[in-house]
N, C-alpha and C. Protein backbone atom coordinates (compact mmCIF):
# COMPACT_ATOMS: atom_id res chain seq x y z
N UNK A 1 24.66 -19.50 30.02
CA UNK A 1 24.16 -19.62 28.70
C UNK A 1 23.21 -18.55 28.49
N UNK A 2 23.07 -17.66 27.19
CA UNK A 2 22.19 -16.57 27.04
C UNK A 2 21.40 -17.07 25.87
N UNK A 3 19.79 -17.37 26.13
CA UNK A 3 19.05 -18.07 24.64
C UNK A 3 18.07 -16.88 24.54
N UNK A 4 18.61 -16.41 22.92
CA UNK A 4 17.71 -15.54 22.34
C UNK A 4 17.04 -16.30 21.44
N UNK A 5 15.28 -15.07 21.51
CA UNK A 5 14.51 -16.34 20.42
C UNK A 5 14.31 -15.04 19.85
N UNK A 6 14.03 -14.90 18.69
CA UNK A 6 13.32 -13.74 17.94
C UNK A 6 12.32 -14.55 17.29
N UNK A 7 11.30 -13.86 17.32
CA UNK A 7 9.58 -13.87 16.35
C UNK A 7 9.97 -12.90 15.58
N UNK A 8 8.20 -13.59 14.88
CA UNK A 8 8.45 -12.11 13.87
C UNK A 8 7.70 -11.29 14.31
N UNK A 9 8.43 -9.95 14.12
CA UNK A 9 7.51 -8.83 14.30
C UNK A 9 6.20 -8.00 13.62
N UNK A 10 5.69 -7.61 14.09
CA UNK A 10 4.45 -6.73 13.40
C UNK A 10 5.23 -5.96 12.04
N UNK A 11 4.54 -6.20 11.33
CA UNK A 11 4.50 -5.33 10.20
C UNK A 11 4.13 -3.74 10.78
N UNK A 12 3.11 -3.46 11.09
CA UNK A 12 3.43 -1.92 12.05
C UNK A 12 4.70 -1.27 12.26
N UNK A 13 5.85 -2.48 13.20
CA UNK A 13 6.95 -1.87 13.85
C UNK A 13 7.55 -1.27 12.63
N UNK A 14 7.58 -2.40 11.88
CA UNK A 14 8.58 -1.81 10.48
C UNK A 14 8.27 -1.28 9.79
N UNK A 15 7.17 -1.21 9.57
CA UNK A 15 6.62 -0.24 8.25
C UNK A 15 5.42 0.83 8.73
N UNK A 16 5.60 2.10 9.40
CA UNK A 16 4.91 3.13 9.61
C UNK A 16 3.81 3.26 8.50
N UNK A 17 2.66 3.43 8.63
CA UNK A 17 2.07 3.63 7.82
C UNK A 17 1.96 5.04 6.84
N UNK A 18 2.38 5.09 5.62
CA UNK A 18 2.47 5.98 4.75
C UNK A 18 0.95 7.05 4.14
N UNK A 19 -0.20 6.26 4.35
CA UNK A 19 -1.16 7.62 3.81
C UNK A 19 -2.00 7.28 5.19
N UNK A 20 -2.63 8.78 5.31
CA UNK A 20 -3.40 9.36 5.96
C UNK A 20 -4.49 10.01 5.74
N UNK A 21 -5.55 10.27 6.05
CA UNK A 21 -6.77 10.77 5.62
C UNK A 21 -7.04 11.66 6.65
N UNK A 22 -7.12 12.55 6.05
CA UNK A 22 -7.31 14.18 6.85
C UNK A 22 -8.75 14.66 6.71
N UNK A 23 -9.63 14.86 7.49
CA UNK A 23 -11.29 15.49 7.47
C UNK A 23 -11.16 16.61 8.72
N UNK A 24 -11.93 17.81 8.08
CA UNK A 24 -11.94 19.24 8.58
C UNK A 24 -13.51 19.17 8.51
N UNK A 25 -13.82 20.11 9.60
CA UNK A 25 -15.00 20.38 9.89
C UNK A 25 -15.15 21.67 10.78
N UNK A 26 -16.17 22.49 10.52
CA UNK A 26 -16.37 24.08 11.00
C UNK A 26 -17.78 23.60 12.04
N UNK A 27 -17.19 23.76 13.48
CA UNK A 27 -18.40 23.86 14.36
C UNK A 27 -18.99 25.01 14.57
N UNK A 28 -20.25 24.71 15.25
CA UNK A 28 -21.04 25.71 15.16
C UNK A 28 -20.47 27.14 16.22
N UNK A 29 -19.52 27.04 16.55
CA UNK A 29 -18.68 28.09 17.23
C UNK A 29 -17.39 28.88 16.53
N UNK A 30 -17.49 28.47 15.53
CA UNK A 30 -16.65 28.74 14.39
C UNK A 30 -15.25 28.29 14.43
N UNK A 31 -14.57 27.15 15.12
CA UNK A 31 -13.55 26.76 15.42
C UNK A 31 -13.68 25.68 14.35
N UNK A 32 -12.14 25.36 14.00
CA UNK A 32 -12.22 24.18 12.88
C UNK A 32 -11.62 22.78 13.58
N UNK A 33 -12.40 21.79 13.27
CA UNK A 33 -11.83 20.39 14.17
C UNK A 33 -11.50 19.96 13.06
N UNK A 34 -10.53 18.46 13.36
CA UNK A 34 -10.11 18.00 12.56
C UNK A 34 -9.63 16.21 12.68
N UNK A 35 -9.54 15.48 11.97
CA UNK A 35 -9.40 13.96 12.02
C UNK A 35 -8.72 13.67 11.12
N UNK A 36 -7.24 13.17 11.72
CA UNK A 36 -6.04 12.38 11.04
C UNK A 36 -5.79 10.99 11.57
N UNK A 37 -6.00 10.38 10.68
CA UNK A 37 -6.24 8.65 11.09
C UNK A 37 -5.41 8.07 10.10
N UNK A 38 -4.23 6.86 9.95
CA UNK A 38 -3.78 5.94 9.22
C UNK A 38 -4.87 5.66 7.92
N UNK A 39 -4.62 5.25 6.64
CA UNK A 39 -5.18 4.97 5.91
C UNK A 39 -4.42 3.80 4.98
N UNK A 40 -4.12 2.62 5.82
CA UNK A 40 -3.25 1.95 5.13
C UNK A 40 -3.39 1.03 4.29
N UNK A 41 -5.05 0.97 3.54
CA UNK A 41 -5.16 0.29 2.29
C UNK A 41 -6.16 0.94 1.41
N UNK A 42 -5.99 2.91 1.55
CA UNK A 42 -7.04 3.43 0.43
C UNK A 42 -7.92 3.57 1.69
N UNK A 43 -9.06 4.71 0.61
CA UNK A 43 -10.01 5.23 1.56
C UNK A 43 -11.33 4.29 2.54
N UNK A 44 -11.12 4.63 3.53
CA UNK A 44 -11.94 3.62 4.49
C UNK A 44 -12.38 3.75 5.77
N UNK A 45 -12.20 5.05 6.02
CA UNK A 45 -12.43 5.45 7.25
C UNK A 45 -14.06 5.55 7.60
N UNK A 46 -15.03 5.36 8.60
CA UNK A 46 -15.88 5.18 8.56
C UNK A 46 -16.21 6.93 8.86
N UNK A 47 -17.49 7.35 9.18
CA UNK A 47 -17.89 8.56 10.00
C UNK A 47 -18.12 8.51 11.48
N UNK A 48 -18.19 7.05 12.08
CA UNK A 48 -17.91 6.98 13.18
C UNK A 48 -16.56 7.19 14.12
N UNK A 49 -15.34 6.55 13.01
CA UNK A 49 -14.26 7.27 13.22
C UNK A 49 -13.53 8.54 13.42
N UNK A 50 -14.34 8.95 12.41
CA UNK A 50 -14.07 10.35 12.07
C UNK A 50 -14.57 11.42 13.35
N UNK A 51 -15.92 11.11 13.84
CA UNK A 51 -16.36 12.43 14.44
C UNK A 51 -15.85 11.63 16.04
N UNK A 52 -15.16 10.34 16.24
CA UNK A 52 -14.95 10.14 17.73
C UNK A 52 -13.88 11.04 17.95
N UNK A 53 -14.73 11.34 19.35
CA UNK A 53 -14.17 12.37 20.40
C UNK A 53 -12.73 12.23 20.74
N UNK A 54 -12.30 10.90 20.92
CA UNK A 54 -10.74 10.61 21.36
C UNK A 54 -10.14 10.65 20.23
N UNK A 55 -9.97 10.51 18.76
CA UNK A 55 -9.35 11.24 17.74
C UNK A 55 -9.34 12.65 17.61
N UNK A 56 -10.09 13.34 17.51
CA UNK A 56 -11.10 14.76 17.08
C UNK A 56 -9.41 15.65 17.63
N UNK A 57 -8.92 16.43 16.45
CA UNK A 57 -7.93 17.25 16.93
C UNK A 57 -8.85 18.93 17.06
N UNK A 58 -8.58 19.39 17.84
CA UNK A 58 -9.39 21.04 18.12
C UNK A 58 -8.43 22.20 17.82
N UNK A 59 -8.56 22.62 16.28
CA UNK A 59 -8.07 23.28 15.94
C UNK A 59 -6.43 23.17 15.11
N UNK A 60 -5.76 23.85 14.63
CA UNK A 60 -4.93 23.90 13.83
C UNK A 60 -2.98 23.39 14.30
N UNK A 61 -3.58 24.05 15.58
CA UNK A 61 -2.01 23.69 16.94
C UNK A 61 -2.57 22.09 17.12
N UNK A 62 -3.51 21.51 17.49
CA UNK A 62 -3.65 19.85 17.59
C UNK A 62 -3.16 19.20 16.08
N UNK A 63 -3.60 19.94 15.23
CA UNK A 63 -3.41 19.22 13.81
C UNK A 63 -1.68 19.04 13.62
N UNK A 64 -1.47 20.26 13.99
CA UNK A 64 0.09 20.01 13.94
C UNK A 64 0.95 19.50 14.46
N UNK A 65 0.63 19.10 15.53
CA UNK A 65 0.84 18.29 17.01
C UNK A 65 0.96 17.00 16.40
N UNK A 66 0.05 16.35 15.78
CA UNK A 66 -0.29 15.23 15.01
C UNK A 66 0.22 14.86 14.17
N UNK A 67 0.41 15.82 12.90
CA UNK A 67 1.48 15.73 11.89
C UNK A 67 2.79 15.48 11.90
N UNK A 68 3.21 16.32 13.27
CA UNK A 68 4.61 16.32 13.75
C UNK A 68 5.31 14.58 14.52
N UNK A 69 3.79 13.84 14.94
CA UNK A 69 4.11 12.56 15.09
C UNK A 69 4.28 11.59 13.83
N UNK A 70 3.88 12.01 12.68
CA UNK A 70 3.99 11.63 11.29
C UNK A 70 5.33 10.87 10.41
N UNK A 71 5.05 9.87 9.68
CA UNK A 71 7.31 9.52 9.69
C UNK A 71 6.97 10.21 8.33
N UNK A 72 8.75 10.89 7.82
CA UNK A 72 8.66 11.54 7.05
C UNK A 72 8.19 11.08 5.55
N UNK A 73 8.00 11.63 4.17
CA UNK A 73 7.59 10.71 3.27
C UNK A 73 6.07 10.35 3.47
N UNK A 74 5.36 10.64 4.38
CA UNK A 74 4.17 10.06 4.58
C UNK A 74 3.45 11.22 3.52
N UNK A 75 2.14 10.72 2.86
CA UNK A 75 0.95 11.63 2.12
C UNK A 75 -0.14 11.54 3.26
N UNK A 76 -0.81 12.98 3.35
CA UNK A 76 -1.77 13.04 3.76
C UNK A 76 -2.82 13.49 3.07
N UNK A 77 -4.14 12.77 2.65
CA UNK A 77 -4.95 13.03 1.74
C UNK A 77 -6.25 13.33 3.02
N UNK A 78 -6.25 15.09 2.26
CA UNK A 78 -7.31 16.07 2.96
C UNK A 78 -8.49 15.57 2.02
N UNK A 79 -9.49 15.24 2.88
CA UNK A 79 -10.82 14.80 1.96
C UNK A 79 -11.61 15.85 2.81
N UNK A 80 -12.75 15.83 1.07
CA UNK A 80 -13.83 16.79 1.26
C UNK A 80 -15.28 16.00 2.12
N UNK A 81 -15.34 14.57 2.08
CA UNK A 81 -16.24 14.21 2.20
C UNK A 81 -15.63 12.02 2.86
N UNK A 82 -16.39 11.82 3.28
CA UNK A 82 -16.07 10.59 4.42
C UNK A 82 -16.33 9.57 2.92
N UNK A 83 -15.40 8.57 3.23
CA UNK A 83 -15.24 7.42 2.10
C UNK A 83 -16.52 6.61 2.34
N UNK A 84 -16.95 6.13 1.19
CA UNK A 84 -18.24 5.02 1.16
C UNK A 84 -19.48 6.25 1.42
N UNK A 85 -19.80 7.08 2.04
CA UNK A 85 -20.91 7.57 1.96
C UNK A 85 -21.08 8.67 0.48
N UNK A 86 -22.47 8.52 0.36
CA UNK A 86 -23.24 9.86 -0.95
C UNK A 86 -22.83 11.30 -0.15
N UNK A 87 -23.12 11.95 -1.39
CA UNK A 87 -22.51 13.06 -1.36
C UNK A 87 -23.72 13.99 -0.34
N UNK A 88 -24.50 13.24 -0.31
CA UNK A 88 -26.03 13.72 0.49
C UNK A 88 -25.91 13.08 2.03
N UNK A 89 -24.82 12.55 2.40
CA UNK A 89 -25.32 12.03 3.74
C UNK A 89 -25.04 12.85 4.90
N UNK A 90 -25.54 13.25 5.81
CA UNK A 90 -25.24 13.51 7.59
C UNK A 90 -23.56 14.30 6.76
N UNK A 91 -23.30 13.57 7.48
CA UNK A 91 -21.52 13.64 7.82
C UNK A 91 -21.23 14.60 6.58
N UNK A 92 -21.64 14.27 5.57
CA UNK A 92 -20.56 15.17 4.33
C UNK A 92 -21.36 16.80 3.81
N UNK A 93 -22.36 16.79 5.09
CA UNK A 93 -23.04 18.28 4.88
C UNK A 93 -22.44 19.21 5.78
N UNK A 94 -21.18 18.19 6.63
CA UNK A 94 -20.91 18.98 7.39
C UNK A 94 -18.95 19.51 7.63
N UNK A 95 -18.85 18.23 6.34
CA UNK A 95 -17.13 18.52 6.02
C UNK A 95 -17.12 19.55 5.18
N UNK A 96 -16.22 20.18 5.23
CA UNK A 96 -15.51 21.14 4.44
C UNK A 96 -14.22 21.54 4.56
N UNK A 97 -13.25 22.18 3.79
CA UNK A 97 -11.75 22.69 4.10
C UNK A 97 -11.98 23.91 4.36
N UNK A 98 -10.81 24.45 5.33
CA UNK A 98 -11.16 26.02 6.20
C UNK A 98 -10.59 26.75 4.68
N UNK A 99 -10.26 27.82 5.10
CA UNK A 99 -9.53 28.98 4.74
C UNK A 99 -8.66 28.50 3.92
N UNK A 100 -8.08 29.01 2.89
CA UNK A 100 -7.06 28.67 2.09
C UNK A 100 -5.82 29.39 2.94
N UNK A 101 -5.66 30.18 3.84
CA UNK A 101 -4.66 30.72 4.66
C UNK A 101 -4.39 29.45 5.72
N UNK A 102 -5.14 28.65 5.96
CA UNK A 102 -4.97 28.26 6.90
C UNK A 102 -4.44 26.42 6.43
N UNK A 103 -5.36 26.20 5.15
CA UNK A 103 -4.48 25.18 4.13
C UNK A 103 -3.54 25.31 4.15
N UNK A 104 -2.70 26.98 3.40
CA UNK A 104 -1.38 27.13 3.00
C UNK A 104 -0.90 26.77 4.26
N UNK A 105 -1.07 27.46 5.50
CA UNK A 105 -0.14 26.92 6.47
C UNK A 105 0.26 25.53 7.21
N UNK A 106 -1.12 24.61 7.09
CA UNK A 106 -0.87 23.46 7.10
C UNK A 106 -0.22 22.69 6.08
N UNK A 107 0.01 22.65 4.65
CA UNK A 107 0.90 22.26 3.45
C UNK A 107 1.86 22.68 4.05
N UNK A 108 2.45 24.49 4.24
CA UNK A 108 3.59 24.69 4.93
C UNK A 108 4.34 23.69 5.44
N UNK A 109 3.46 23.24 6.95
CA UNK A 109 4.35 23.12 8.39
C UNK A 109 4.50 21.53 7.79
N UNK A 110 3.82 20.66 7.47
CA UNK A 110 3.79 19.83 6.72
C UNK A 110 4.75 19.26 5.63
N UNK A 111 5.19 20.20 4.85
CA UNK A 111 6.51 20.09 3.54
C UNK A 111 7.45 20.03 4.00
N UNK A 112 7.81 21.06 5.33
CA UNK A 112 9.02 21.23 6.26
C UNK A 112 9.24 19.77 6.80
N UNK A 113 8.71 19.16 7.24
CA UNK A 113 8.94 17.75 7.90
C UNK A 113 8.70 16.32 6.62
N UNK A 114 9.08 16.97 5.48
CA UNK A 114 8.52 16.11 4.60
C UNK A 114 7.38 14.96 4.45
N UNK A 115 6.14 15.86 4.76
CA UNK A 115 4.81 15.37 4.29
C UNK A 115 4.03 15.91 3.21
N UNK A 116 3.39 15.04 2.77
CA UNK A 116 2.84 15.77 1.34
C UNK A 116 1.23 15.52 1.68
N UNK A 117 0.53 16.86 1.35
CA UNK A 117 -0.84 17.20 1.67
C UNK A 117 -1.33 17.18 0.21
N UNK A 118 -2.44 16.30 0.24
CA UNK A 118 -2.86 15.99 -1.08
C UNK A 118 -4.59 16.45 -0.85
N UNK A 119 -5.04 17.72 -1.65
CA UNK A 119 -6.14 17.77 -1.93
C UNK A 119 -7.26 16.92 -2.51
N UNK A 120 -8.57 17.42 -2.15
CA UNK A 120 -9.42 16.96 -3.51
C UNK A 120 -9.67 17.49 -4.56
N UNK A 121 -9.75 16.74 -5.55
CA UNK A 121 -9.26 17.19 -7.13
C UNK A 121 -10.36 18.83 -7.06
N UNK A 122 -11.38 18.64 -6.55
CA UNK A 122 -12.30 20.03 -6.75
C UNK A 122 -11.81 20.93 -6.25
N UNK A 123 -10.53 21.03 -5.07
CA UNK A 123 -10.19 22.19 -4.80
C UNK A 123 -8.89 22.64 -4.70
N UNK A 124 -8.63 22.62 -6.37
CA UNK A 124 -7.27 22.81 -6.44
C UNK A 124 -6.86 24.34 -6.34
N UNK A 125 -8.33 24.98 -6.32
CA UNK A 125 -7.77 26.40 -6.07
C UNK A 125 -7.52 27.12 -4.70
N UNK A 126 -7.52 25.27 -3.62
CA UNK A 126 -6.88 25.96 -2.71
C UNK A 126 -5.62 25.96 -2.36
N UNK A 127 -4.96 25.69 -3.53
CA UNK A 127 -3.73 25.36 -3.43
C UNK A 127 -2.94 26.65 -3.08
């Protein structure tokens, strides 16, 4: 006799997040760092999460690797400030977008994987 019991599955297994927050900043050495985290309930990621060395991505190569792990039809919101902070916070002073060529390369890479990248409204000239 075979007995099979099915319990509730976690929503995470059934429905991977479709919204992600991407943050970028340039280090003193000139290299760009990124943080890409799931944002299932809208912008709600803290500065501590963004700058956590465990999730920090070192350069565009690491960012592309992380993007390749996302589900198709996901949306990445590339933000120029951390949610819930004022524009004068220490964290926001170092946040920024990389050069236009880098943004275009990341958007192209994501689009090839059916992932949309949205930029802050004030940076639409970066498209």
